[in-house]
Protein backbone atom coordinates (compact mmCIF):
# COMPACT_ATOMS: atom_id res chain seq x y z
CA UNK A 1 -54.58 -86.07 16.52
CA UNK A 2 -50.80 -86.07 15.97
CA UNK A 3 -51.25 -85.13 12.32
CA UNK A 4 -53.43 -82.19 13.27
CA UNK A 5 -50.95 -81.04 15.93
CA UNK A 6 -48.20 -81.05 13.28
CA UNK A 7 -50.50 -79.16 10.92
CA UNK A 8 -50.88 -76.25 13.34
CA UNK A 9 -48.13 -73.93 12.02
CA UNK A 10 -49.51 -74.11 8.47
CA UNK A 11 -53.12 -73.73 9.67
CA UNK A 12 -52.21 -70.72 11.80
CA UNK A 13 -50.35 -69.07 8.93
CA UNK A 14 -53.34 -69.67 6.67
CA UNK A 15 -55.75 -68.09 9.15
CA UNK A 16 -53.47 -65.11 9.76
CA UNK A 17 -52.92 -64.34 6.08
CA UNK A 18 -56.60 -64.75 5.19
CA UNK A 19 -58.13 -62.85 8.12
CA UNK A 20 -55.69 -60.02 8.90
CA UNK A 21 -57.23 -57.74 6.25
CA UNK A 22 -60.67 -58.59 7.65
CA UNK A 23 -59.41 -57.62 11.11
CA UNK A 24 -58.20 -54.29 9.72
CA UNK A 25 -61.63 -53.62 8.19
CA UNK A 26 -63.32 -54.64 11.43
CA UNK A 27 -61.06 -52.19 13.28
CA UNK A 28 -62.54 -49.33 11.21
CA UNK A 29 -66.03 -50.56 12.06
CA UNK A 30 -65.19 -50.79 15.79
CA UNK A 31 -63.86 -47.23 15.67
CA UNK A 32 -67.40 -46.04 14.85
CA UNK A 33 -68.94 -48.02 17.74
CA UNK A 34 -68.80 -47.50 21.47
CA UNK A 35 -68.79 -51.05 22.80
CA UNK A 36 -69.28 -51.04 26.56
CA UNK A 37 -69.31 -54.81 27.01
CA UNK A 38 -68.00 -57.92 25.26
CA UNK A 39 -69.75 -61.26 25.81
CA UNK A 40 -68.18 -64.57 24.76
CA UNK A 41 -70.28 -67.70 24.28
CA UNK A 42 -68.95 -71.21 23.63
CA UNK A 43 -68.87 -74.83 24.82
CA UNK A 44 -66.16 -77.46 25.32
CA UNK A 45 -62.74 -76.68 23.87
CA UNK A 46 -64.16 -73.49 22.38
CA UNK A 47 -65.18 -72.43 25.90
CA UNK A 48 -61.52 -72.70 26.89
CA UNK A 49 -60.69 -70.43 23.95
CA UNK A 50 -63.35 -68.04 25.25
CA UNK A 51 -61.72 -68.04 28.70
CA UNK A 52 -58.46 -67.01 27.03
CA UNK A 53 -60.37 -64.35 25.10
CA UNK A 54 -61.69 -62.90 28.34
CA UNK A 55 -58.17 -62.31 29.65
CA UNK A 56 -56.81 -61.10 26.31
CA UNK A 57 -59.62 -58.68 25.49
CA UNK A 58 -59.90 -57.17 28.96
CA UNK A 59 -56.12 -56.70 29.18
CA UNK A 60 -55.75 -55.15 25.74
CA UNK A 61 -58.97 -53.18 25.24
CA UNK A 62 -60.12 -52.10 28.71
CA UNK A 63 -63.65 -53.28 27.87
CA UNK A 64 -65.27 -55.59 30.45
CA UNK A 65 -65.73 -59.13 29.16
CA UNK A 66 -68.31 -61.67 30.30
CA UNK A 67 -68.58 -65.39 29.61
CA UNK A 68 -72.19 -66.14 28.71
CA UNK A 69 -74.23 -68.81 30.48
CA UNK A 70 -76.22 -70.23 27.52
CA UNK A 71 -79.00 -71.62 29.71
CA UNK A 72 -79.90 -68.06 30.75
CA UNK A 73 -81.10 -67.64 27.17
CA UNK A 74 -82.05 -71.17 26.10
CA UNK A 75 -83.80 -72.48 29.24
CA UNK A 76 -84.76 -69.42 31.25
CA UNK A 77 -85.39 -67.12 28.26
CA UNK A 78 -84.10 -64.07 30.08
CA UNK A 79 -84.23 -60.75 28.24
CA UNK A 80 -80.96 -58.88 28.57
CA UNK A 81 -80.11 -55.35 27.51
CA UNK A 82 -77.21 -55.90 25.12
CA UNK A 83 -77.16 -52.53 23.41
CA UNK A 84 -73.56 -51.39 22.89
CA UNK A 85 -72.43 -54.98 23.46
CA UNK A 86 -70.27 -57.12 21.18
CA UNK A 87 -71.28 -60.78 21.47
CA UNK A 88 -68.77 -63.28 20.10
CA UNK A 89 -69.72 -66.92 19.51
CA UNK A 90 -66.95 -69.50 19.21
CA UNK A 91 -67.61 -72.95 17.73
CA UNK A 92 -65.47 -75.29 15.64
CA UNK A 93 -68.45 -76.64 13.73
CA UNK A 94 -70.68 -73.58 13.96
CA UNK A 95 -73.55 -75.95 14.70
CA UNK A 96 -73.79 -75.77 18.49
CA UNK A 97 -77.51 -75.30 19.07
CA UNK A 98 -77.28 -73.37 22.31
CA UNK A 99 -74.44 -71.14 21.09
CA UNK A 100 -76.44 -70.16 18.02
CA UNK A 101 -79.60 -69.55 20.05
CA UNK A 102 -77.64 -67.18 22.28
CA UNK A 103 -76.33 -65.32 19.22
CA UNK A 104 -79.85 -65.03 17.81
CA UNK A 105 -81.15 -63.71 21.13
CA UNK A 106 -78.24 -61.27 21.38
CA UNK A 107 -79.08 -59.75 17.99
CA UNK A 108 -82.69 -59.27 19.08
CA UNK A 109 -81.44 -57.63 22.26
CA UNK A 110 -79.39 -55.03 20.39
CA UNK A 111 -75.91 -56.58 20.24
CA UNK A 112 -73.44 -56.70 17.39
CA UNK A 113 -72.61 -60.37 16.83
CA UNK A 114 -69.40 -62.03 15.63
CA UNK A 115 -68.83 -65.71 14.93
CA UNK A 116 -65.49 -67.54 15.11
CA UNK A 117 -65.84 -70.88 13.36
CA UNK A 118 -63.99 -73.33 11.15
CA UNK A 119 -67.01 -73.94 8.89
CA UNK A 120 -67.94 -71.19 6.41
CA UNK A 121 -71.32 -72.74 5.56
CA UNK A 122 -72.41 -73.39 9.14
CA UNK A 123 -75.53 -72.08 10.85
CA UNK A 124 -73.36 -69.73 12.93
CA UNK A 125 -71.73 -68.22 9.85
CA UNK A 126 -75.17 -67.43 8.41
CA UNK A 127 -76.68 -65.76 11.47
CA UNK A 128 -73.96 -63.42 12.80
CA UNK A 129 -73.16 -59.88 11.63
CA UNK A 130 -69.49 -60.76 11.04
CA UNK A 131 -67.80 -64.15 10.73
CA UNK A 132 -64.09 -64.83 11.18
CA UNK A 133 -62.94 -68.19 9.83
CA UNK A 134 -60.35 -70.33 11.61
CA UNK A 135 -59.44 -71.98 8.28
CA UNK A 136 -57.87 -75.00 10.00
CA UNK A 137 -59.06 -77.48 7.40
CA UNK A 138 -61.26 -80.44 8.20
CA UNK A 139 -61.02 -81.63 11.80
CA UNK A 140 -60.76 -85.42 11.80
CA UNK A 141 -59.74 -86.07 15.39
CA UNK A 142 -62.41 -85.80 18.09
CA UNK A 143 -59.87 -84.04 20.32
CA UNK A 144 -59.57 -80.50 18.96
CA UNK A 145 -56.03 -79.14 18.60
CA UNK A 146 -55.51 -76.98 15.52
CA UNK A 147 -59.02 -75.55 15.78
CA UNK A 148 -58.34 -74.47 19.39
CA UNK A 149 -55.11 -72.68 18.50
CA UNK A 150 -56.81 -71.23 15.42
CA UNK A 151 -59.57 -69.79 17.60
CA UNK A 152 -56.95 -68.20 19.85
CA UNK A 153 -55.25 -66.67 16.82
CA UNK A 154 -58.54 -65.14 15.62
CA UNK A 155 -59.08 -63.72 19.12
CA UNK A 156 -55.70 -61.99 18.79
CA UNK A 157 -56.90 -60.51 15.50
CA UNK A 158 -60.09 -59.27 17.17
CA UNK A 159 -58.01 -57.81 20.01
CA UNK A 160 -55.92 -55.93 17.44
CA UNK A 161 -59.14 -54.52 15.97
CA UNK A 162 -60.53 -53.43 19.34
CA UNK A 163 -57.37 -52.00 20.92
CA UNK A 164 -53.74 -51.02 20.44
CA UNK A 165 -51.80 -53.50 22.59
CA UNK A 166 -51.85 -56.49 20.20
CA UNK A 167 -49.83 -55.96 17.03
CA UNK A 168 -50.27 -57.92 13.82
CA UNK A 169 -46.48 -58.14 13.53
CA UNK A 170 -46.25 -60.15 16.76
CA UNK A 171 -49.31 -62.26 15.90
CA UNK A 172 -47.64 -63.13 12.61
CA UNK A 173 -44.71 -64.61 14.52
CA UNK A 174 -46.88 -67.12 16.39
CA UNK A 175 -46.78 -69.88 13.72
CA UNK A 176 -42.97 -69.82 13.90
CA UNK A 177 -43.08 -70.12 17.69
CA UNK A 178 -45.36 -73.16 17.28
CA UNK A 179 -42.85 -74.77 14.90
CA UNK A 180 -40.21 -74.38 17.59
CA UNK A 181 -42.50 -75.88 20.23
CA UNK A 182 -43.06 -78.94 18.05
CA UNK A 183 -39.34 -79.69 18.35
CA UNK A 184 -40.11 -80.95 21.87
CA UNK A 185 -41.88 -84.05 20.54
CA UNK A 186 -39.05 -86.56 21.04
CA UNK A 187 -38.41 -85.25 24.56
CA UNK A 188 -42.12 -85.52 25.39
CA UNK A 189 -42.36 -89.02 23.92
CA UNK A 190 -39.70 -90.09 26.41
CA UNK A 191 -41.28 -88.13 29.27
CA UNK A 192 -44.77 -89.64 29.01
CA UNK A 193 -43.46 -93.15 29.67
CA UNK A 194 -42.99 -91.96 33.24
CA UNK A 195 -46.74 -91.29 33.48
CA UNK A 196 -48.08 -94.39 31.72
CA UNK A 197 -50.00 -95.40 34.86
CA UNK A 198 -51.12 -91.93 35.90
CA UNK A 199 -54.84 -91.83 36.77
CA UNK A 200 -55.15 -88.33 38.24
CA UNK A 201 -53.31 -85.03 38.20
CA UNK A 202 -53.71 -81.27 38.56
CA UNK A 203 -52.96 -78.61 35.95
CA UNK A 204 -52.23 -75.13 37.26
CA UNK A 205 -51.71 -71.73 35.64
CA UNK A 206 -52.63 -68.10 36.02
CA UNK A 207 -53.38 -65.12 33.82
CA UNK A 208 -53.22 -65.47 30.06
CA UNK A 209 -52.32 -69.17 30.26
CA UNK A 210 -55.11 -70.02 32.72
CA UNK A 211 -57.26 -71.17 29.78
CA UNK A 212 -54.48 -73.56 28.79
CA UNK A 213 -54.80 -75.27 32.17
CA UNK A 214 -58.45 -75.97 31.29
CA UNK A 215 -57.54 -77.07 27.78
CA UNK A 216 -54.72 -79.42 28.80
CA UNK A 217 -56.86 -80.99 31.52
CA UNK A 218 -59.68 -81.51 29.01
CA UNK A 219 -57.29 -83.20 26.58
CA UNK A 220 -55.98 -85.49 29.31
CA UNK A 221 -59.52 -86.43 30.32
CA UNK A 222 -60.86 -87.10 26.83
CA UNK A 223 -57.82 -88.83 25.29
CA UNK A 224 -56.10 -90.52 28.26
CA UNK A 225 -59.03 -90.98 30.69
CA UNK A 226 -57.00 -89.21 33.39
CA UNK A 227 -58.95 -87.31 36.05
CA UNK A 228 -57.28 -83.94 35.48
CA UNK A 229 -58.36 -81.07 37.71
CA UNK A 230 -57.51 -77.53 36.63
CA UNK A 231 -56.84 -74.57 38.88
CA UNK A 232 -55.71 -70.99 39.07
CA UNK A 233 -52.51 -70.85 41.10
CA UNK A 234 -54.26 -68.51 43.55
CA UNK A 235 -57.24 -70.83 43.98
CA UNK A 236 -54.97 -73.86 44.30
CA UNK A 237 -53.39 -72.43 47.43
CA UNK A 238 -56.82 -71.79 49.00
CA UNK A 239 -57.57 -75.48 49.50
CA UNK A 240 -56.84 -77.92 46.66
CA UNK A 241 -53.14 -78.04 47.53
CA UNK A 242 -54.26 -80.35 50.37
CA UNK A 243 -54.66 -83.02 47.66
CA UNK A 244 -50.94 -83.05 47.04
CA UNK A 245 -48.93 -85.88 48.49
CA UNK A 246 -45.68 -87.55 47.53
CA UNK A 247 -45.52 -88.25 43.76
CA UNK A 248 -48.85 -86.55 43.01
CA UNK A 249 -48.53 -85.19 39.44
CA UNK A 250 -48.95 -81.44 38.93
CA UNK A 251 -48.41 -79.70 35.59
CA UNK A 252 -47.71 -75.97 35.60
CA UNK A 253 -47.67 -73.31 32.88
CA UNK A 254 -44.87 -70.87 33.78
CA UNK A 255 -44.22 -68.32 31.03
CA UNK A 256 -41.93 -65.39 31.80
CA UNK A 257 -43.84 -62.27 32.76
CA UNK A 258 -46.37 -61.11 35.34
CA UNK A 259 -47.32 -64.57 36.62
CA UNK A 260 -43.86 -66.13 36.76
CA UNK A 261 -42.89 -65.20 40.33
CA UNK A 262 -46.09 -66.60 41.84
CA UNK A 263 -45.92 -69.78 39.75
CA UNK A 264 -42.28 -70.17 40.75
CA UNK A 265 -43.18 -69.96 44.44
CA UNK A 266 -45.87 -72.60 43.92
CA UNK A 267 -43.44 -74.90 42.11
CA UNK A 268 -41.01 -74.63 45.03
CA UNK A 269 -43.80 -75.42 47.50
CA UNK A 270 -44.77 -78.48 45.47
CA UNK A 271 -41.21 -79.71 45.54
CA UNK A 272 -41.25 -79.39 49.34
CA UNK A 273 -44.33 -81.62 49.30
CA UNK A 274 -42.46 -84.05 47.03
CA UNK A 275 -45.01 -83.71 44.27
CA UNK A 276 -44.24 -84.87 40.74
CA UNK A 277 -44.04 -81.56 38.87
CA UNK A 278 -43.87 -80.88 35.13
CA UNK A 279 -43.26 -77.25 34.20
CA UNK A 280 -43.91 -75.73 30.76
CA UNK A 281 -41.75 -72.62 30.46
CA UNK A 282 -39.27 -70.81 28.24
CA UNK A 283 -35.76 -71.81 27.29
CA UNK A 284 -34.15 -69.08 29.40
CA UNK A 285 -36.28 -69.25 32.57
CA UNK A 286 -34.56 -69.99 35.87
CA UNK A 287 -36.74 -72.76 37.27
CA UNK A 288 -36.78 -74.39 40.70
CA UNK A 289 -35.82 -78.00 41.00
CA UNK A 290 -38.64 -79.77 39.18
CA UNK A 291 -39.15 -83.36 38.26
CA UNK A 292 -39.33 -82.37 34.61
CA UNK A 293 -39.33 -79.16 32.58
CA UNK A 294 -40.54 -78.68 29.02
CA UNK A 295 -38.85 -75.56 27.68
CA UNK A 296 -40.38 -73.88 24.63
CA UNK A 297 -37.29 -72.97 22.54
CA UNK A 298 -38.22 -69.37 21.65
CA UNK A 299 -38.21 -66.46 24.08
CA UNK A 300 -41.75 -65.09 23.63
CA UNK A 301 -43.43 -62.03 25.22
CA UNK A 302 -45.98 -63.25 27.78
CA UNK A 303 -48.89 -61.78 25.82
CA UNK A 304 -48.17 -64.15 22.92
CA UNK A 305 -47.27 -67.34 24.84
CA UNK A 306 -50.65 -69.16 25.08
CA UNK A 307 -50.66 -70.70 21.57
CA UNK A 308 -47.07 -72.04 21.56
CA UNK A 309 -47.36 -73.08 25.21
CA UNK A 310 -50.39 -75.33 24.69
CA UNK A 311 -48.59 -77.29 21.96
CA UNK A 312 -46.37 -79.24 24.42
CA UNK A 313 -49.56 -80.00 26.37
CA UNK A 314 -51.27 -81.31 23.24
CA UNK A 315 -48.25 -83.51 22.55
CA UNK A 316 -48.30 -84.80 26.13
CA UNK A 317 -51.96 -85.84 25.77
CA UNK A 318 -51.54 -87.50 22.38
CA UNK A 319 -48.33 -89.34 23.26
CA UNK A 320 -49.52 -90.35 26.74
CA UNK A 321 -52.64 -91.87 25.16
CA UNK A 322 -50.38 -93.84 22.84
CA UNK A 323 -48.26 -94.99 25.79
CA UNK A 324 -51.43 -96.10 27.59
CA UNK A 325 -52.61 -98.03 24.53
CA UNK A 326 -55.57 -95.69 23.94
CA UNK A 327 -56.56 -94.36 20.52
CA UNK A 328 -56.89 -90.57 21.07
CA UNK A 329 -58.86 -90.21 17.83
CA UNK A 330 -61.68 -92.44 19.08
CA UNK A 331 -62.33 -91.55 22.71
CA UNK A 332 -65.23 -93.45 24.19
CA UNK A 333 -68.64 -91.76 24.33
CA UNK A 334 -67.52 -88.70 22.31
CA UNK A 335 -68.23 -87.24 18.85
CA UNK A 336 -66.72 -84.23 17.06
CA UNK A 337 -70.01 -82.28 17.03
CA UNK A 338 -71.99 -82.16 20.29
CA UNK A 339 -75.36 -80.38 20.37
CA UNK A 340 -76.75 -79.09 23.67
CA UNK A 341 -79.39 -76.55 24.63
């Protein structure tokens, strides 16, 4: 897992260089279409990437985005009208049975289909109209890291093809931002010793980084066996904050931008409750008194923060597992490829 985290800048650069021309060609194709709906379909870590894609694509294209419920197709066999829809499947292996069945059904129902996968010879790559490759290299760790960030990068490329707000120039800077985030490793190695005996926590975010709350909590559950609940900051205040007592651990994503003020107010409230807070933010953010802060060195526009901001979270999960004496590459009851219907 640690090797694959360190491989992320190179993997992201490889994906960007190989797929940016494809994104430009796809932009010309999209210009001849009139997509009225985008549907994203995925499972597991890829589903967290899809949640990010929902925010990114709606914000930057103005097209409504839906997250598919695969069982609607695979168990209930519903017939949907997907004309003028773009259906995007996301799968590291490209072999998720239910994801591919949804893509097949979507084509029959009139949709244009796109696959985002790491495997060029997978079933997904063969059945979609267009395939974008993550090009992360072979995933050896069960806990996905470089394939997750690679999927996010490809979603940026698709956003650049479907709208004007995402620029390839800024996307090309993301691998460098990730290199800077990796400089936090020694600080995080020291930090996780504080949480060696942590059994439960909450992870909170909002907006573009909301998907990272899901992804970090998933990594903590599968590599450290920590019960990690994930919340939108708005939802957290509607009830779950009642969970918080003295020393209860809460991790918050606080990039500068539209969500910062609300996240800042929540962090102050948590300090009043004497919670144990860890904030992931930028190097120049003015933060409230927090137990700990992980500051990503670069100052990054909010739109492009999700990839570099998940890297400290990935390091937390990998290094906390090590501190707990758990092998994050062999989590119990899990395999790299999981097939569901």
